[in-house]
């Protein structure tokens, strides 16, 4: 599940690691499937940008259109910033790569009508959620820690639409309302119709183990969304030598989704090499075997037919 926080938690958090080896989004995945012809998709976005009909969203149409065009061309740019939206971010990146035309239709309908569908799944943010918030005002308040309008709308609408009790207001302090569970990731991936098989291989309550991680094989036909405790990425950034996060009893649970972009590798010295997409870029590094084992909680695996 996901529970992002300002101290760096994104399903704990949203402070983006900055001292990892970062790779430009355009180079993020050497095993990326061939992209579709994007000319027709650009036409959808351009037609959307030219419309003048009012939207239920308090976000600028031109800004949404410009950002959507960038995300369609380079899905790795999708960025949650300080918001608790790593689950929707991981899913939307995968979908944008597999079917950019479907994502463009979804995004433009969502902005125009306040409701859109991913296959049979209807996404309708609730009254009082982020759809009623002023994106420009929030961006002005939170600065660079706040997502751009299209990212905010897409990720936040998907997250709020799943909630039954709490509302996702689109704010950095949305905690419980931003949590994403494995079953939701599975449902979203299946709804796209882009995959022949989607399997939940997460463990949630106890770590999944090294062997489970080494068996994962992201490829041109397979997307792997991994569940972890954010301590794993923190140790890549600024090693402390701790196997688990401080305050483990309260924070020792899976709280972040990322996308595996290369197989997990065990080095001869026993360290584990990890390369994942999160926060709009690729993060790469190594951690001790026991640190990895204590903070890895499996994956959702989606395979094309």
Protein backbone atom coordinates (compact mmCIF):
# COMPACT_ATOMS: atom_id res chain seq x y z
CA UNK A 1 0.00 0.00 0.00
CA UNK A 2 1.02 3.59 -0.15
CA UNK A 3 1.38 6.33 2.36
CA UNK A 4 3.54 9.26 1.33
CA UNK A 5 4.84 11.86 3.71
CA UNK A 6 6.76 15.09 3.60
CA UNK A 7 9.81 13.56 5.22
CA UNK A 8 10.39 11.48 2.16
CA UNK A 9 7.58 9.01 2.36
CA UNK A 10 5.50 8.49 -0.75
CA UNK A 11 3.18 5.44 -0.21
CA UNK A 12 6.08 7.34 2.92
CA UNK A 13 6.89 9.89 0.87
CA UNK A 14 7.25 12.59 -1.01
CA UNK A 15 10.51 14.24 -0.58
CA UNK A 16 12.34 13.24 -3.75
CA UNK A 17 15.76 11.66 -3.25
CA UNK A 18 18.33 13.95 -4.82
CA UNK A 19 21.65 12.25 -4.30
CA UNK A 20 20.92 9.00 -6.05
CA UNK A 21 22.26 8.49 -9.52
CA UNK A 22 19.50 10.07 -11.57
CA UNK A 23 18.93 9.27 -15.21
CA UNK A 24 17.13 11.49 -17.70
CA UNK A 25 13.56 10.35 -18.20
CA UNK A 26 14.09 9.80 -21.90
CA UNK A 27 16.67 7.09 -21.13
CA UNK A 28 14.72 5.43 -18.36
CA UNK A 29 14.08 2.03 -19.81
CA UNK A 30 16.20 0.25 -22.39
CA UNK A 31 13.60 -2.54 -22.61
CA UNK A 32 10.78 -0.09 -23.32
CA UNK A 33 8.26 -1.42 -25.89
CA UNK A 34 8.10 0.35 -29.25
CA UNK A 35 6.04 3.53 -29.02
CA UNK A 36 2.85 3.85 -31.01
CA UNK A 37 2.48 6.34 -33.84
CA UNK A 38 1.86 9.46 -31.78
CA UNK A 39 0.57 11.69 -34.60
CA UNK A 40 -3.07 10.78 -33.96
CA UNK A 41 -2.56 11.17 -30.22
CA UNK A 42 -1.14 14.66 -30.72
CA UNK A 43 -4.24 15.50 -32.76
CA UNK A 44 -6.44 14.51 -29.80
CA UNK A 45 -4.46 16.78 -27.48
CA UNK A 46 -4.44 19.69 -29.95
CA UNK A 47 -8.21 19.45 -30.43
CA UNK A 48 -8.60 19.43 -26.67
CA UNK A 49 -6.41 22.51 -26.31
CA UNK A 50 -8.53 24.39 -28.88
CA UNK A 51 -11.85 23.80 -27.12
CA UNK A 52 -13.34 26.64 -25.14
CA UNK A 53 -16.07 24.81 -23.23
CA UNK A 54 -15.93 25.22 -19.43
CA UNK A 55 -14.49 22.44 -17.29
CA UNK A 56 -15.48 21.27 -13.81
CA UNK A 57 -11.76 21.47 -12.97
CA UNK A 58 -10.24 24.66 -11.63
CA UNK A 59 -7.10 24.18 -13.70
CA UNK A 60 -5.98 26.01 -16.83
CA UNK A 61 -6.84 24.14 -20.05
CA UNK A 62 -3.77 25.37 -21.90
CA UNK A 63 -1.47 24.26 -19.08
CA UNK A 64 -3.13 20.85 -18.90
CA UNK A 65 -2.87 20.40 -22.67
CA UNK A 66 0.79 21.42 -22.83
CA UNK A 67 1.75 19.11 -20.01
CA UNK A 68 -0.33 16.24 -21.39
CA UNK A 69 1.52 16.51 -24.70
CA UNK A 70 4.82 16.15 -22.83
CA UNK A 71 3.58 13.18 -20.80
CA UNK A 72 2.34 11.38 -23.91
CA UNK A 73 5.74 11.84 -25.56
CA UNK A 74 7.75 11.03 -22.41
CA UNK A 75 5.72 9.15 -19.78
CA UNK A 76 8.75 8.98 -17.47
CA UNK A 77 8.24 12.68 -16.74
CA UNK A 78 5.09 11.98 -14.69
CA UNK A 79 5.76 13.53 -11.29
CA UNK A 80 3.89 13.34 -7.99
CA UNK A 81 6.21 15.78 -6.18
CA UNK A 82 5.23 15.95 -2.48
CA UNK A 83 1.85 14.28 -2.91
CA UNK A 84 0.99 10.80 -1.70
CA UNK A 85 0.38 9.45 -5.21
CA UNK A 86 3.09 6.90 -5.98
CA UNK A 87 0.53 4.16 -6.75
CA UNK A 88 -1.38 6.15 -9.38
CA UNK A 89 1.92 7.49 -10.74
CA UNK A 90 3.35 3.99 -11.27
CA UNK A 91 0.16 2.81 -12.95
CA UNK A 92 -0.26 5.84 -15.20
CA UNK A 93 3.34 5.65 -16.38
CA UNK A 94 2.85 2.01 -17.40
CA UNK A 95 -0.43 2.77 -19.17
CA UNK A 96 0.97 5.80 -20.99
CA UNK A 97 3.75 3.63 -22.43
CA UNK A 98 1.45 0.77 -23.41
CA UNK A 99 -1.46 2.80 -24.82
CA UNK A 100 -0.82 6.55 -25.15
CA UNK A 101 -3.97 7.06 -27.23
CA UNK A 102 -6.17 5.61 -24.48
CA UNK A 103 -4.49 7.78 -21.87
CA UNK A 104 -5.00 10.89 -24.02
CA UNK A 105 -8.70 10.11 -24.45
CA UNK A 106 -9.04 9.48 -20.75
CA UNK A 107 -7.27 12.69 -19.74
CA UNK A 108 -9.17 14.96 -22.11
CA UNK A 109 -12.55 13.47 -21.15
CA UNK A 110 -11.69 13.76 -17.46
CA UNK A 111 -10.90 17.46 -17.83
CA UNK A 112 -13.90 18.23 -20.05
CA UNK A 113 -16.53 16.23 -18.18
CA UNK A 114 -15.16 15.52 -14.70
CA UNK A 115 -15.54 11.79 -15.35
CA UNK A 116 -13.77 9.32 -17.64
CA UNK A 117 -13.27 5.58 -18.02
CA UNK A 118 -10.37 3.16 -18.09
CA UNK A 119 -12.10 0.36 -19.96
CA UNK A 120 -14.99 -0.66 -17.69
CA UNK A 121 -13.64 1.31 -14.72
CA UNK A 122 -15.33 4.69 -14.24
CA UNK A 123 -13.16 7.39 -12.67
CA UNK A 124 -15.20 10.17 -11.08
CA UNK A 125 -13.61 12.37 -8.40
CA UNK A 126 -16.08 13.23 -5.66
CA UNK A 127 -17.47 16.62 -4.69
CA UNK A 128 -15.21 18.24 -2.14
CA UNK A 129 -12.12 16.45 -3.46
CA UNK A 130 -9.36 17.95 -5.57
CA UNK A 131 -11.77 18.64 -8.43
CA UNK A 132 -13.08 21.59 -6.39
CA UNK A 133 -9.61 22.93 -5.56
CA UNK A 134 -7.83 25.73 -7.42
CA UNK A 135 -4.68 24.20 -8.86
CA UNK A 136 -2.93 27.50 -9.55
CA UNK A 137 -3.53 28.69 -5.99
CA UNK A 138 -2.18 25.44 -4.54
CA UNK A 139 0.83 25.51 -6.84
CA UNK A 140 1.52 29.05 -5.70
CA UNK A 141 1.31 28.00 -2.06
CA UNK A 142 3.51 24.90 -2.30
CA UNK A 143 5.87 25.95 -5.08
CA UNK A 144 8.06 23.40 -6.79
CA UNK A 145 6.87 20.68 -4.43
CA UNK A 146 3.50 20.62 -6.19
CA UNK A 147 2.67 18.64 -9.35
CA UNK A 148 1.78 20.28 -12.63
CA UNK A 149 -1.91 20.49 -13.44
CA UNK A 150 -2.21 17.43 -15.71
CA UNK A 151 -0.24 15.16 -13.37
CA UNK A 152 -2.25 16.39 -10.38
CA UNK A 153 -5.59 15.86 -12.12
CA UNK A 154 -4.81 12.40 -13.51
CA UNK A 155 -3.25 10.91 -10.40
CA UNK A 156 -5.55 12.60 -7.92
CA UNK A 157 -8.78 11.80 -9.74
CA UNK A 158 -7.86 8.12 -9.94
CA UNK A 159 -6.96 8.04 -6.26
CA UNK A 160 -10.08 9.87 -5.04
CA UNK A 161 -12.38 7.80 -7.23
CA UNK A 162 -11.36 4.67 -5.33
CA UNK A 163 -11.97 6.18 -1.89
CA UNK A 164 -15.21 5.45 -0.08
CA UNK A 165 -14.71 7.26 3.23
CA UNK A 166 -11.96 9.86 2.88
CA UNK A 167 -11.54 12.44 0.11
CA UNK A 168 -8.29 13.08 -1.67
CA UNK A 169 -8.03 16.87 -1.71
CA UNK A 170 -4.87 17.00 -3.77
CA UNK A 171 -2.70 18.31 -0.92
CA UNK A 172 0.69 17.23 0.44
CA UNK A 173 -0.85 16.35 3.80
CA UNK A 174 -3.39 13.92 2.32
CA UNK A 175 -2.18 10.74 4.01
CA UNK A 176 -4.77 8.00 4.50
CA UNK A 177 -6.75 9.24 1.50
CA UNK A 178 -3.67 8.75 -0.69
CA UNK A 179 -2.96 5.12 0.21
CA UNK A 180 -2.99 2.69 -2.73
CA UNK A 181 -3.36 -1.04 -2.13
CA UNK A 182 -2.18 -3.84 -4.41
CA UNK A 183 -5.72 -4.84 -5.33
CA UNK A 184 -6.33 -1.36 -6.72
CA UNK A 185 -3.18 -1.49 -8.84
CA UNK A 186 -4.31 -4.87 -10.19
CA UNK A 187 -7.80 -3.57 -10.98
CA UNK A 188 -6.45 -0.52 -12.82
CA UNK A 189 -4.01 -2.54 -14.91
CA UNK A 190 -6.66 -5.09 -15.86
CA UNK A 191 -9.14 -2.36 -16.78
CA UNK A 192 -6.80 -1.00 -19.46
CA UNK A 193 -7.18 -4.13 -21.56
CA UNK A 194 -3.47 -3.85 -22.39
CA UNK A 195 -2.42 -7.01 -20.53
CA UNK A 196 -3.19 -10.70 -20.90
CA UNK A 197 -2.30 -11.39 -17.27
CA UNK A 198 -1.96 -9.28 -14.12
CA UNK A 199 -0.76 -11.02 -10.96
CA UNK A 200 -0.49 -9.75 -7.40
CA UNK A 201 2.76 -11.06 -5.93
CA UNK A 202 2.90 -8.68 -2.97
CA UNK A 203 3.11 -9.83 0.63
CA UNK A 204 2.11 -6.61 2.49
CA UNK A 205 2.58 -7.82 6.07
CA UNK A 206 5.98 -9.48 5.84
CA UNK A 207 8.88 -8.90 3.41
CA UNK A 208 8.76 -11.00 0.24
CA UNK A 209 12.36 -12.22 0.25
CA UNK A 210 15.38 -11.92 -2.00
CA UNK A 211 14.50 -14.85 -4.25
CA UNK A 212 11.16 -13.26 -5.15
CA UNK A 213 12.95 -10.06 -6.15
CA UNK A 214 15.60 -11.84 -8.22
CA UNK A 215 12.86 -13.63 -10.16
CA UNK A 216 11.31 -10.38 -11.43
CA UNK A 217 11.92 -9.70 -15.11
CA UNK A 218 10.66 -6.39 -16.50
CA UNK A 219 10.76 -6.45 -20.31
CA UNK A 220 9.14 -5.11 -23.48
CA UNK A 221 6.10 -7.23 -22.63
CA UNK A 222 6.15 -7.14 -18.82
CA UNK A 223 5.62 -4.26 -16.39
CA UNK A 224 6.67 -4.78 -12.77
CA UNK A 225 5.33 -2.41 -10.09
CA UNK A 226 7.22 -3.04 -6.87
CA UNK A 227 6.04 -2.43 -3.31
CA UNK A 228 8.58 -1.43 -0.68
CA UNK A 229 9.25 0.54 2.45
CA UNK A 230 10.72 3.87 1.40
CA UNK A 231 13.67 3.21 3.69
CA UNK A 232 15.04 1.14 0.83
CA UNK A 233 15.31 4.19 -1.45
CA UNK A 234 16.60 6.34 1.40
CA UNK A 235 19.45 3.91 1.95
CA UNK A 236 20.33 4.20 -1.73
CA UNK A 237 20.43 7.96 -1.29
CA UNK A 238 22.12 8.44 2.07
CA UNK A 239 23.22 5.17 3.65
CA UNK A 240 22.85 5.01 7.43
CA UNK A 241 23.64 1.33 7.85
CA UNK A 242 20.20 0.73 9.39
CA UNK A 243 18.44 -2.34 8.10
CA UNK A 244 15.03 -0.82 8.80
CA UNK A 245 13.64 2.69 9.20
CA UNK A 246 13.92 4.44 12.55
CA UNK A 247 10.68 3.98 14.44
CA UNK A 248 10.23 0.63 12.72
CA UNK A 249 7.32 -0.47 14.91
CA UNK A 250 5.23 2.45 13.65
CA UNK A 251 6.71 2.77 10.19
CA UNK A 252 7.80 -0.74 9.29
CA UNK A 253 5.23 -1.40 6.60
CA UNK A 254 5.18 -1.18 2.80
CA UNK A 255 4.55 2.45 1.90
CA UNK A 256 5.87 3.14 -1.59
CA UNK A 257 5.25 1.99 -5.16
CA UNK A 258 7.93 2.21 -7.85
CA UNK A 259 8.41 0.67 -11.30
CA UNK A 260 11.24 -1.81 -11.77
CA UNK A 261 13.11 -0.91 -14.96
CA UNK A 262 15.83 -3.60 -14.83
CA UNK A 263 16.13 -6.97 -13.10
CA UNK A 264 17.25 -6.91 -9.49
CA UNK A 265 20.86 -8.09 -9.34
CA UNK A 266 22.84 -9.65 -6.50
CA UNK A 267 26.49 -8.59 -6.68
CA UNK A 268 29.40 -10.90 -5.79
CA UNK A 269 29.91 -8.98 -2.54
CA UNK A 270 26.28 -9.69 -1.54
CA UNK A 271 24.95 -6.19 -2.19
CA UNK A 272 21.71 -5.83 -4.13
CA UNK A 273 21.60 -3.56 -7.19
CA UNK A 274 18.28 -1.86 -7.83
CA UNK A 275 17.05 0.32 -10.70
CA UNK A 276 13.54 1.75 -10.42
CA UNK A 277 11.42 4.59 -11.77
CA UNK A 278 9.88 6.94 -9.21
CA UNK A 279 9.35 10.71 -8.86
CA UNK A 280 9.70 11.32 -12.58
CA UNK A 281 13.13 9.74 -13.04
CA UNK A 282 15.15 6.55 -12.65
CA UNK A 283 16.89 5.87 -9.35
CA UNK A 284 19.79 3.45 -9.29
CA UNK A 285 22.10 2.14 -6.61
CA UNK A 286 23.06 -0.71 -4.30
CA UNK A 287 22.13 -1.63 -0.72
CA UNK A 288 23.20 -4.42 1.64
CA UNK A 289 21.35 -7.68 1.13
CA UNK A 290 19.65 -7.56 4.52
CA UNK A 291 18.47 -4.00 4.00
CA UNK A 292 16.85 -4.97 0.73
CA UNK A 293 15.32 -8.10 2.20
CA UNK A 294 13.79 -6.20 5.12
CA UNK A 295 12.13 -3.56 2.94
CA UNK A 296 10.95 -5.35 -0.21
CA UNK A 297 7.30 -6.47 -0.24
CA UNK A 298 6.85 -8.02 -3.66
CA UNK A 299 5.33 -6.74 -6.87
CA UNK A 300 2.34 -6.57 -9.16
CA UNK A 301 3.33 -8.11 -12.51
CA UNK A 302 1.48 -7.25 -15.72
CA UNK A 303 2.20 -9.20 -18.92
CA UNK A 304 1.01 -8.38 -22.41
CA UNK A 305 -0.50 -11.14 -24.57
